[in-house]
C-alpha atoms as a PDB file:
ATOM      1  CA  MET A   1      85.578 121.773 101.149  1.00  0.00           C
ATOM      2  CA  LYS A   2      84.552 118.297 102.174  1.00  0.00           C
ATOM      3  CA  VAL A   3      87.275 115.640 102.070  1.00  0.00           C
ATOM      4  CA  SER A   4      86.595 111.952 101.469  1.00  0.00           C
ATOM      5  CA  LEU A   5      89.268 109.606 102.824  1.00  0.00           C
ATOM      6  CA  VAL A   6      89.088 106.244 101.065  1.00  0.00           C
ATOM      7  CA  MET A   7      90.980 103.398 102.742  1.00  0.00           C
ATOM      8  CA  SER A   8      91.353  99.996 101.108  1.00  0.00           C
ATOM      9  CA  THR A   9      92.421  97.452 103.721  1.00  0.00           C
ATOM     10  CA  LEU A  10      93.385  93.813 104.098  1.00  0.00           C
ATOM     11  CA  GLY A  11      94.818  91.966 107.078  1.00  0.00           C
ATOM     12  CA  ARG A  12      94.897  94.822 109.581  1.00  0.00           C
ATOM     13  CA  ILE A  13      92.583  95.780 112.450  1.00  0.00           C
ATOM     14  CA  ASP A  14      94.534  97.605 115.165  1.00  0.00           C
ATOM     15  CA  GLU A  15      96.207  99.928 112.669  1.00  0.00           C
ATOM     16  CA  VAL A  16      92.859 100.872 111.118  1.00  0.00           C
ATOM     17  CA  LEU A  17      91.440 101.643 114.547  1.00  0.00           C
ATOM     18  CA  GLN A  18      94.487 103.787 115.355  1.00  0.00           C
ATOM     19  CA  PHE A  19      93.924 105.738 112.155  1.00  0.00           C
ATOM     20  CA  ILE A  20      90.265 106.293 113.035  1.00  0.00           C
ATOM     21  CA  HIS A  21      91.164 107.564 116.487  1.00  0.00           C
ATOM     22  CA  ALA A  22      93.809 109.892 115.005  1.00  0.00           C
ATOM     23  CA  LEU A  23      91.184 111.443 112.728  1.00  0.00           C
ATOM     24  CA  GLN A  24      89.394 112.674 115.831  1.00  0.00           C
ATOM     25  CA  GLN A  25      92.273 115.139 116.266  1.00  0.00           C
ATOM     26  CA  LEU A  26      92.025 116.720 112.795  1.00  0.00           C
ATOM     27  CA  ASP A  27      91.540 120.472 112.835  1.00  0.00           C
ATOM     28  CA  HIS A  28      89.164 120.205 109.861  1.00  0.00           C
ATOM     29  CA  ASN A  29      85.719 118.824 110.597  1.00  0.00           C
ATOM     30  CA  ASP A  30      84.157 118.407 107.140  1.00  0.00           C
ATOM     31  CA  PHE A  31      85.323 114.940 106.145  1.00  0.00           C
ATOM     32  CA  GLU A  32      84.249 111.320 105.907  1.00  0.00           C
ATOM     33  CA  LEU A  33      86.055 107.978 105.996  1.00  0.00           C
ATOM     34  CA  ILE A  34      85.202 105.192 103.581  1.00  0.00           C
ATOM     35  CA  ILE A  35      86.636 101.782 104.494  1.00  0.00           C
ATOM     36  CA  VAL A  36      86.806  99.146 101.759  1.00  0.00           C
ATOM     37  CA  ASP A  37      87.331  95.868 103.603  1.00  0.00           C
ATOM     38  CA  GLN A  38      88.906  93.097 101.495  1.00  0.00           C
ATOM     39  CA  ASN A  39      89.160  90.641 104.388  1.00  0.00           C
ATOM     40  CA  ALA A  40      87.394  87.286 104.171  1.00  0.00           C
ATOM     41  CA  ASP A  41      85.834  87.662 107.632  1.00  0.00           C
ATOM     42  CA  GLU A  42      83.940  90.430 109.431  1.00  0.00           C
ATOM     43  CA  ARG A  43      86.312  91.101 112.332  1.00  0.00           C
ATOM     44  CA  LEU A  44      87.291  94.558 111.070  1.00  0.00           C
ATOM     45  CA  GLN A  45      83.674  95.538 110.506  1.00  0.00           C
ATOM     46  CA  MET A  46      82.779  94.478 114.037  1.00  0.00           C
ATOM     47  CA  ALA A  47      85.743  96.379 115.491  1.00  0.00           C
ATOM     48  CA  CYS A  48      84.907  99.549 113.571  1.00  0.00           C
ATOM     49  CA  SER A  49      81.249  99.339 114.551  1.00  0.00           C
ATOM     50  CA  ALA A  50      82.269  99.475 118.203  1.00  0.00           C
ATOM     51  CA  VAL A  51      84.116 102.780 117.754  1.00  0.00           C
ATOM     52  CA  SER A  52      82.295 105.995 118.625  1.00  0.00           C
ATOM     53  CA  VAL A  53      83.396 108.999 116.544  1.00  0.00           C
ATOM     54  CA  ASP A  54      81.866 112.303 115.500  1.00  0.00           C
ATOM     55  CA  PHE A  55      82.457 111.959 111.756  1.00  0.00           C
ATOM     56  CA  PRO A  56      80.829 109.654 109.163  1.00  0.00           C
ATOM     57  CA  ILE A  57      82.322 106.239 108.478  1.00  0.00           C
ATOM     58  CA  HIS A  58      81.027 104.298 105.484  1.00  0.00           C
ATOM     59  CA  TYR A  59      81.907 100.622 105.334  1.00  0.00           C
ATOM     60  CA  LEU A  60      82.113  98.472 102.181  1.00  0.00           C
ATOM     61  CA  ARG A  61      82.851  94.743 102.042  1.00  0.00           C
ATOM     62  CA  SER A  62      84.898  93.459  99.113  1.00  0.00           C
ATOM     63  CA  PRO A  63      86.246  90.020 100.066  1.00  0.00           C
ATOM     64  CA  HIS A  64      86.378  88.718  96.489  1.00  0.00           C
ATOM     65  CA  ALA A  65      87.873  91.766  94.737  1.00  0.00           C
ATOM     66  CA  LYS A  66      91.442  92.193  95.936  1.00  0.00           C
ATOM     67  CA  GLY A  67      94.000  94.893  95.273  1.00  0.00           C
ATOM     68  CA  CYS A  68      94.584  98.311  96.786  1.00  0.00           C
ATOM     69  CA  SER A  69      93.861 100.194  93.556  1.00  0.00           C
ATOM     70  CA  ARG A  70      90.657  98.255  92.975  1.00  0.00           C
ATOM     71  CA  GLY A  71      89.500  98.947  96.529  1.00  0.00           C
ATOM     72  CA  ARG A  72      90.225 102.659  96.236  1.00  0.00           C
ATOM     73  CA  ASN A  73      88.296 102.961  92.985  1.00  0.00           C
ATOM     74  CA  MET A  74      85.390 101.094  94.537  1.00  0.00           C
ATOM     75  CA  GLY A  75      85.359 103.389  97.559  1.00  0.00           C
ATOM     76  CA  VAL A  76      85.216 106.550  95.461  1.00  0.00           C
ATOM     77  CA  ALA A  77      81.743 105.540  94.275  1.00  0.00           C
ATOM     78  CA  LYS A  78      80.582 105.984  97.892  1.00  0.00           C
ATOM     79  CA  ALA A  79      82.437 109.263  98.442  1.00  0.00           C
ATOM     80  CA  SER A  80      80.679 112.623  98.565  1.00  0.00           C
ATOM     81  CA  GLY A  81      83.607 115.001  99.084  1.00  0.00           C
ATOM     82  CA  GLU A  82      85.060 117.493  96.616  1.00  0.00           C
ATOM     83  CA  ILE A  83      88.563 116.328  97.585  1.00  0.00           C
ATOM     84  CA  LEU A  84      89.662 112.678  97.591  1.00  0.00           C
ATOM     85  CA  CYS A  85      92.615 111.018  99.313  1.00  0.00           C
ATOM     86  CA  PHE A  86      93.618 107.416  99.882  1.00  0.00           C
ATOM     87  CA  PRO A  87      95.289 106.720 103.250  1.00  0.00           C
ATOM     88  CA  ASP A  88      97.108 103.432 103.785  1.00  0.00           C
ATOM     89  CA  ASP A  89      95.635 101.114 106.402  1.00  0.00           C
ATOM     90  CA  ASP A  90      98.768 101.504 108.555  1.00  0.00           C
ATOM     91  CA  CYS A  91      99.425 105.232 108.271  1.00  0.00           C
ATOM     92  CA  LEU A  92      98.501 108.180 110.509  1.00  0.00           C
ATOM     93  CA  TYR A  93      97.451 111.695 109.469  1.00  0.00           C
ATOM     94  CA  PRO A  94      98.743 114.570 111.636  1.00  0.00           C
ATOM     95  CA  PRO A  95      96.028 116.912 112.965  1.00  0.00           C
ATOM     96  CA  SER A  96      96.958 119.795 110.647  1.00  0.00           C
ATOM     97  CA  LEU A  97      97.395 117.829 107.408  1.00  0.00           C
ATOM     98  CA  ILE A  98      93.951 118.287 105.854  1.00  0.00           C
ATOM     99  CA  ARG A  99      93.864 122.008 106.672  1.00  0.00           C
ATOM    100  CA  LYS A 100      97.291 122.513 105.111  1.00  0.00           C
ATOM    101  CA  VAL A 101      96.360 120.526 102.006  1.00  0.00           C
ATOM    102  CA  LEU A 102      93.204 122.561 101.432  1.00  0.00           C
ATOM    103  CA  GLY A 103      95.303 125.697 101.825  1.00  0.00           C
ATOM    104  CA  ARG A 104      97.673 124.529  99.073  1.00  0.00           C
ATOM    105  CA  PHE A 105      94.734 123.865  96.747  1.00  0.00           C
ATOM    106  CA  ASP A 106      93.563 127.455  97.276  1.00  0.00           C
ATOM    107  CA  GLU A 107      97.030 129.024  97.080  1.00  0.00           C
ATOM    108  CA  THR A 108      98.248 127.187  93.973  1.00  0.00           C
ATOM    109  CA  GLY A 109      95.036 126.514  92.072  1.00  0.00           C
ATOM    110  CA  SER A 110      96.201 122.926  91.662  1.00  0.00           C
ATOM    111  CA  ASP A 111      94.138 119.912  90.673  1.00  0.00           C
ATOM    112  CA  ILE A 112      96.289 117.475  92.663  1.00  0.00           C
ATOM    113  CA  VAL A 113      98.355 118.197  95.787  1.00  0.00           C
ATOM    114  CA  CYS A 114     101.094 115.806  96.959  1.00  0.00           C
ATOM    115  CA  GLY A 115     103.132 115.273 100.110  1.00  0.00           C
ATOM    116  CA  ARG A 116     105.628 112.822 101.570  1.00  0.00           C
ATOM    117  CA  ALA A 117     106.100 110.031 104.113  1.00  0.00           C
ATOM    118  CA  ALA A 118     107.735 111.103 107.358  1.00  0.00           C
ATOM    119  CA  ALA A 119     108.860 109.695 110.690  1.00  0.00           C
ATOM    120  CA  PRO A 120     107.479 111.301 113.873  1.00  0.00           C
ATOM    121  CA  ASP A 121     110.491 113.642 113.916  1.00  0.00           C
ATOM    122  CA  GLY A 122     109.648 114.893 110.417  1.00  0.00           C
ATOM    123  CA  ARG A 123     112.458 113.264 108.449  1.00  0.00           C
ATOM    124  CA  SER A 124     111.518 111.623 105.166  1.00  0.00           C
ATOM    125  CA  ILE A 125     111.195 107.830 105.125  1.00  0.00           C
ATOM    126  CA  ASN A 126     110.317 105.028 102.723  1.00  0.00           C
ATOM    127  CA  GLY A 127     111.482 106.868  99.632  1.00  0.00           C
ATOM    128  CA  ARG A 128     113.439 109.798  98.267  1.00  0.00           C
ATOM    129  CA  PHE A 129     111.528 113.092  98.275  1.00  0.00           C
ATOM    130  CA  GLU A 130     112.265 116.594  97.006  1.00  0.00           C
ATOM    131  CA  THR A 131     113.170 119.005  99.790  1.00  0.00           C
ATOM    132  CA  SER A 132     111.451 122.108  98.374  1.00  0.00           C
ATOM    133  CA  ALA A 133     107.895 122.884  97.272  1.00  0.00           C
ATOM    134  CA  GLN A 134     107.484 122.739  93.497  1.00  0.00           C
ATOM    135  CA  PRO A 135     105.164 121.873  90.614  1.00  0.00           C
ATOM    136  CA  VAL A 136     105.132 118.192  89.735  1.00  0.00           C
ATOM    137  CA  ASP A 137     106.188 117.351  86.186  1.00  0.00           C
ATOM    138  CA  LEU A 138     107.313 114.300  84.245  1.00  0.00           C
ATOM    139  CA  ARG A 139     110.861 114.742  85.508  1.00  0.00           C
ATOM    140  CA  ASN A 140     110.227 114.742  89.264  1.00  0.00           C
ATOM    141  CA  VAL A 141     107.058 112.659  89.508  1.00  0.00           C
ATOM    142  CA  PHE A 142     108.775 109.781  91.327  1.00  0.00           C
ATOM    143  CA  THR A 143     110.284 112.020  94.028  1.00  0.00           C
ATOM    144  CA  THR A 144     107.269 114.194  94.839  1.00  0.00           C
ATOM    145  CA  GLN A 145     104.623 111.834  96.128  1.00  0.00           C
ATOM    146  CA  ILE A 146     103.524 108.694  97.855  1.00  0.00           C
ATOM    147  CA  GLU A 147     100.047 107.339  97.207  1.00  0.00           C
ATOM    148  CA  TRP A 148      98.602 107.867 100.670  1.00  0.00           C
ATOM    149  CA  VAL A 149      99.592 111.551 100.777  1.00  0.00           C
ATOM    150  CA  VAL A 150      98.140 112.556  97.400  1.00  0.00           C
ATOM    151  CA  PHE A 151      94.925 114.589  97.259  1.00  0.00           C
ATOM    152  CA  PHE A 152      92.720 114.930  94.176  1.00  0.00           C
ATOM    153  CA  ARG A 153      89.912 117.204  93.169  1.00  0.00           C
ATOM    154  CA  ARG A 154      87.148 114.683  92.690  1.00  0.00           C
ATOM    155  CA  GLU A 155      86.284 115.726  89.136  1.00  0.00           C
ATOM    156  CA  VAL A 156      89.932 115.300  88.131  1.00  0.00           C
ATOM    157  CA  PHE A 157      90.156 111.796  89.615  1.00  0.00           C
ATOM    158  CA  GLU A 158      86.976 110.810  87.778  1.00  0.00           C
ATOM    159  CA  LYS A 159      88.206 112.222  84.447  1.00  0.00           C
ATOM    160  CA  LEU A 160      91.372 110.137  84.863  1.00  0.00           C
ATOM    161  CA  GLU A 161      89.153 107.062  85.470  1.00  0.00           C
ATOM    162  CA  GLY A 162      90.849 106.349  88.772  1.00  0.00           C
ATOM    163  CA  PHE A 163      93.816 104.155  89.571  1.00  0.00           C
ATOM    164  CA  ASP A 164      95.026 101.529  87.129  1.00  0.00           C
ATOM    165  CA  GLU A 165      93.866  98.356  88.877  1.00  0.00           C
ATOM    166  CA  ASP A 166      96.705  96.361  87.312  1.00  0.00           C
ATOM    167  CA  ILE A 167      99.209  98.366  89.377  1.00  0.00           C
ATOM    168  CA  GLY A 168      99.658  98.473  93.144  1.00  0.00           C
ATOM    169  CA  VAL A 169      99.770  96.199  96.171  1.00  0.00           C
ATOM    170  CA  GLY A 170      97.496  93.183  95.740  1.00  0.00           C
ATOM    171  CA  ALA A 171      97.066  93.578  91.981  1.00  0.00           C
ATOM    172  CA  SER A 172      96.917  90.375  89.939  1.00  0.00           C
ATOM    173  CA  THR A 173     100.144  91.354  88.168  1.00  0.00           C
ATOM    174  CA  PRO A 174     103.789  91.658  89.225  1.00  0.00           C
ATOM    175  CA  TRP A 175     103.517  95.467  89.298  1.00  0.00           C
ATOM    176  CA  GLN A 176     103.054  95.949  93.038  1.00  0.00           C
ATOM    177  CA  SER A 177     103.703  99.687  93.391  1.00  0.00           C
ATOM    178  CA  CYS A 178     103.683 103.104  91.703  1.00  0.00           C
ATOM    179  CA  GLU A 179      99.977 103.364  91.005  1.00  0.00           C
ATOM    180  CA  GLY A 180     100.348 106.920  92.341  1.00  0.00           C
ATOM    181  CA  PRO A 181     102.998 108.100  89.873  1.00  0.00           C
ATOM    182  CA  ASP A 182     101.028 106.355  87.124  1.00  0.00           C
ATOM    183  CA  ILE A 183      97.835 108.341  87.724  1.00  0.00           C
ATOM    184  CA  THR A 184      99.830 111.546  88.250  1.00  0.00           C
ATOM    185  CA  ILE A 185     101.645 111.069  84.939  1.00  0.00           C
ATOM    186  CA  ARG A 186      98.274 110.589  83.257  1.00  0.00           C
ATOM    187  CA  ALA A 187      97.079 113.796  84.952  1.00  0.00           C
ATOM    188  CA  ILE A 188     100.085 115.766  83.684  1.00  0.00           C
ATOM    189  CA  HIS A 189      99.557 114.472  80.144  1.00  0.00           C
ATOM    190  CA  ALA A 190      95.904 115.528  80.406  1.00  0.00           C
ATOM    191  CA  GLY A 191      96.942 119.071  81.318  1.00  0.00           C
ATOM    192  CA  PHE A 192      96.073 119.053  85.026  1.00  0.00           C
ATOM    193  CA  LYS A 193      98.135 121.038  87.515  1.00  0.00           C
ATOM    194  CA  VAL A 194      99.969 119.035  90.207  1.00  0.00           C
ATOM    195  CA  TYR A 195     101.846 120.530  93.157  1.00  0.00           C
ATOM    196  CA  TYR A 196     104.153 119.057  95.808  1.00  0.00           C
ATOM    197  CA  ASP A 197     105.037 120.502  99.195  1.00  0.00           C
ATOM    198  CA  PRO A 198     107.312 118.707 101.692  1.00  0.00           C
ATOM    199  CA  GLU A 199     105.480 120.495 104.511  1.00  0.00           C
ATOM    200  CA  LEU A 200     102.598 118.131 103.774  1.00  0.00           C
ATOM    201  CA  TYR A 201     103.409 114.782 105.312  1.00  0.00           C
ATOM    202  CA  ALA A 202     101.868 111.833 107.110  1.00  0.00           C
ATOM    203  CA  HIS A 203     103.348 109.030 109.176  1.00  0.00           C
ATOM    204  CA  HIS A 204     103.919 105.367 108.416  1.00  0.00           C
ATOM    205  CA  PRO A 205     106.012 102.511 109.821  1.00  0.00           C
ATOM    206  CA  GLU A 206     109.523 102.850 108.458  1.00  0.00           C
ATOM    207  CA  LEU A 207     110.743 100.143 106.113  1.00  0.00           C
ATOM    208  CA  ASN A 208     113.868  98.425 107.419  1.00  0.00           C
ATOM    209  CA  THR A 209     116.323  98.770 104.555  1.00  0.00           C
ATOM    210  CA  ARG A 210     119.411  98.969 106.800  1.00  0.00           C
ATOM    211  CA  ASP A 211     119.156  95.394 108.050  1.00  0.00           C
ATOM    212  CA  PRO A 212     116.558  93.894 105.715  1.00  0.00           C
ATOM    213  CA  ASP A 213     115.374  90.330 106.155  1.00  0.00           C
ATOM    214  CA  ASP A 214     114.290  88.016 103.337  1.00  0.00           C
ATOM    215  CA  ALA A 215     110.749  89.407 103.361  1.00  0.00           C
ATOM    216  CA  MET A 216     111.993  92.984 103.055  1.00  0.00           C
ATOM    217  CA  ARG A 217     114.291  92.090 100.178  1.00  0.00           C
ATOM    218  CA  ALA A 218     111.409  90.373  98.383  1.00  0.00           C
ATOM    219  CA  LYS A 219     109.177  93.405  98.984  1.00  0.00           C
ATOM    220  CA  GLY A 220     111.855  95.693  97.585  1.00  0.00           C
ATOM    221  CA  ARG A 221     111.927  93.692  94.375  1.00  0.00           C
ATOM    222  CA  ARG A 222     108.122  93.592  94.069  1.00  0.00           C
ATOM    223  CA  TYR A 223     107.791  97.337  94.555  1.00  0.00           C
ATOM    224  CA  ALA A 224     110.673  98.027  92.182  1.00  0.00           C
ATOM    225  CA  ARG A 225     108.945  96.050  89.442  1.00  0.00           C
ATOM    226  CA  GLY A 226     106.005  98.420  89.666  1.00  0.00           C
ATOM    227  CA  MET A 227     108.262 101.412  89.140  1.00  0.00           C
ATOM    228  CA  GLY A 228     109.999  99.831  86.156  1.00  0.00           C
ATOM    229  CA  HIS A 229     106.629  98.969  84.655  1.00  0.00           C
ATOM    230  CA  VAL A 230     105.318 102.535  84.998  1.00  0.00           C
ATOM    231  CA  ILE A 231     108.512 103.941  83.450  1.00  0.00           C
ATOM    232  CA  ARG A 232     108.021 101.612  80.481  1.00  0.00           C
ATOM    233  CA  LYS A 233     104.260 102.177  80.270  1.00  0.00           C
ATOM    234  CA  HIS A 234     104.749 105.911  79.864  1.00  0.00           C
ATOM    235  CA  SER A 235     107.645 105.595  77.390  1.00  0.00           C
ATOM    236  CA  TYR A 236     110.287 107.328  79.483  1.00  0.00           C
ATOM    237  CA  GLY A 237     113.110 105.553  77.732  1.00  0.00           C
ATOM    238  CA  ILE A 238     116.180 103.661  78.809  1.00  0.00           C
ATOM    239  CA  LEU A 239     118.172 106.758  79.827  1.00  0.00           C
ATOM    240  CA  TYR A 240     115.557 107.740  82.408  1.00  0.00           C
ATOM    241  CA  LEU A 241     115.486 104.172  83.707  1.00  0.00           C
ATOM    242  CA  THR A 242     119.290 104.137  83.962  1.00  0.00           C
ATOM    243  CA  ASN A 243     119.177 106.867  86.605  1.00  0.00           C
ATOM    244  CA  TYR A 244     116.982 104.627  88.738  1.00  0.00           C
ATOM    245  CA  LEU A 245     119.282 101.647  88.204  1.00  0.00           C
ATOM    246  CA  VAL A 246     122.561 103.418  88.984  1.00  0.00           C
ATOM    247  CA  ARG A 247     121.470 104.508  92.479  1.00  0.00           C
ATOM    248  CA  PRO A 248     120.565 101.051  93.860  1.00  0.00           C
ATOM    249  CA  ILE A 249     123.537  99.452  92.145  1.00  0.00           C
ATOM    250  CA  GLY A 250     125.783 102.072  93.735  1.00  0.00           C
ATOM    251  CA  GLY A 251     124.075 101.465  97.079  1.00  0.00           C
ATOM    252  CA  ALA A 252     124.634  97.744  96.702  1.00  0.00           C
ATOM    253  CA  CYS A 253     128.348  98.172  95.959  1.00  0.00           C
ATOM    254  CA  LEU A 254     128.833 100.521  98.909  1.00  0.00           C
ATOM    255  CA  SER A 255     126.943  98.224 101.286  1.00  0.00           C
ATOM    256  CA  LEU A 256     128.879  95.168 100.160  1.00  0.00           C
ATOM    257  CA  LEU A 257     132.177  97.019 100.611  1.00  0.00           C
ATOM    258  CA  LYS A 258     131.104  97.849 104.172  1.00  0.00           C
ATOM    259  CA  GLY A 259     130.298  94.199 104.791  1.00  0.00           C
ATOM    260  CA  ASN A 260     126.515  94.708 105.034  1.00  0.00           C
ATOM    261  CA  LEU A 261     125.526  91.817 102.797  1.00  0.00           C
ATOM    262  CA  LYS A 262     121.827  92.014 103.632  1.00  0.00           C
ATOM    263  CA  ARG A 263     121.560  95.630 102.594  1.00  0.00           C
ATOM    264  CA  GLY A 264     123.708  95.033  99.547  1.00  0.00           C
ATOM    265  CA  PHE A 265     121.439  92.263  98.320  1.00  0.00           C
ATOM    266  CA  TYR A 266     118.396  94.413  99.071  1.00  0.00           C
ATOM    267  CA  TYR A 267     119.670  97.112  96.723  1.00  0.00           C
ATOM    268  CA  LEU A 268     120.513  94.518  94.087  1.00  0.00           C
ATOM    269  CA  ASN A 269     116.929  93.257  94.344  1.00  0.00           C
ATOM    270  CA  VAL A 270     115.651  96.791  93.804  1.00  0.00           C
ATOM    271  CA  ALA A 271     117.799  97.229  90.698  1.00  0.00           C
ATOM    272  CA  MET A 272     116.741  93.829  89.382  1.00  0.00           C
ATOM    273  CA  GLY A 273     113.069  94.567  90.017  1.00  0.00           C
ATOM    274  CA  ARG A 274     113.173  97.883  88.168  1.00  0.00           C
ATOM    275  CA  ALA A 275     114.877  96.218  85.219  1.00  0.00           C
ATOM    276  CA  GLU A 276     112.307  93.409  85.235  1.00  0.00           C
ATOM    277  CA  GLY A 277     109.410  95.846  85.330  1.00  0.00           C
ATOM    278  CA  TYR A 278     110.826  97.838  82.447  1.00  0.00           C
ATOM    279  CA  ALA A 279     111.476  94.694  80.402  1.00  0.00           C
ATOM    280  CA  GLY A 280     108.067  93.230  81.226  1.00  0.00           C
ATOM    281  CA  VAL A 281     109.494  89.956  82.534  1.00  0.00           C
ATOM    282  CA  CYS A 282     109.908  88.335  85.943  1.00  0.00           C
ATOM    283  CA  LEU A 283     112.944  86.123  86.260  1.00  0.00           C
ATOM    284  CA  ASP A 284     111.893  84.243  89.386  1.00  0.00           C
ATOM    285  CA  GLY A 285     108.753  82.757  87.806  1.00  0.00           C
ATOM    286  CA  GLY A 286     106.154  81.315  90.163  1.00  0.00           C
ATOM    287  CA  ARG A 287     102.991  83.245  90.747  1.00  0.00           C
ATOM    288  CA  PHE A 288     104.523  86.392  89.269  1.00  0.00           C
ATOM    289  CA  LYS A 289     105.133  84.661  85.963  1.00  0.00           C
ATOM    290  CA  LYS A 290     101.546  83.436  85.970  1.00  0.00           C
ATOM    291  CA  ALA A 291     100.222  86.848  86.990  1.00  0.00           C
ATOM    292  CA  PHE A 292     102.125  88.554  84.175  1.00  0.00           C
ATOM    293  CA  ASN A 293      99.772  86.916  81.681  1.00  0.00           C
ATOM    294  CA  LEU A 294      96.730  88.310  83.498  1.00  0.00           C
ATOM    295  CA  GLY A 295      97.573  91.971  83.399  1.00  0.00           C
ATOM    296  CA  SER A 296      96.390  94.598  80.943  1.00  0.00           C
ATOM    297  CA  GLN A 297      97.248  98.272  80.696  1.00  0.00           C
ATOM    298  CA  LYS A 298      94.923 101.225  80.860  1.00  0.00           C
END
């Protein structure tokens, strides 16, 4: 089966080039890369044009339409593969990933196949992931995927009408993450079969949550708002949310007791963000408060 990799990108050049070079090592040769460039200038386009590879690269400019989910949906219109995936612009795919993913589609008869984020040594990073292969359901949807290691049968993605463009990094709302769980929840409700396997993983820079700076703490809160919003959007209820509040609050208490104030406040930001997303409010105002009035739900 042909695989279309759709990458929405903003603000990165070297990382995109590294991803392109890594694709040369894939042990599956029927694929294409679609780059949706949301930069204001043409530096990325020029850099990509200078790269010589033996697979198709399609390039789309989108400087006035921002947001990762919007870019991904736009790129799908250019895709020709039966399988779709959406790599981050700073991730790397191991050589065997595509082959393994296609194997799971065949073995499980699934409509969507999910994996995890991993460090070079294989340990999970940037989230909490299940340790065994299993079907994805409404209970485990937040611990069985990360957007850039989720693979869709094209017809399924199109029936779901793509990602919700009000959710995800760069969206014009406060909900800056969890566009992946959102579309997967919609898929489960629609009766599609979703499968997760921890043997399917790709690499990404690891988020520094052990000694987080101000920017990392702010990012934690932004991403947490997206999760809280998706939990509310799909009517999970306060008891389900509580599970995702207790863990960061517990982490905050433990970190503060150990004297790691930075990490403690990071976890408090995560808990606050999830509560804000669920409540539909943003307590720090500013552009988030303004953006909240712009968003709509699919």
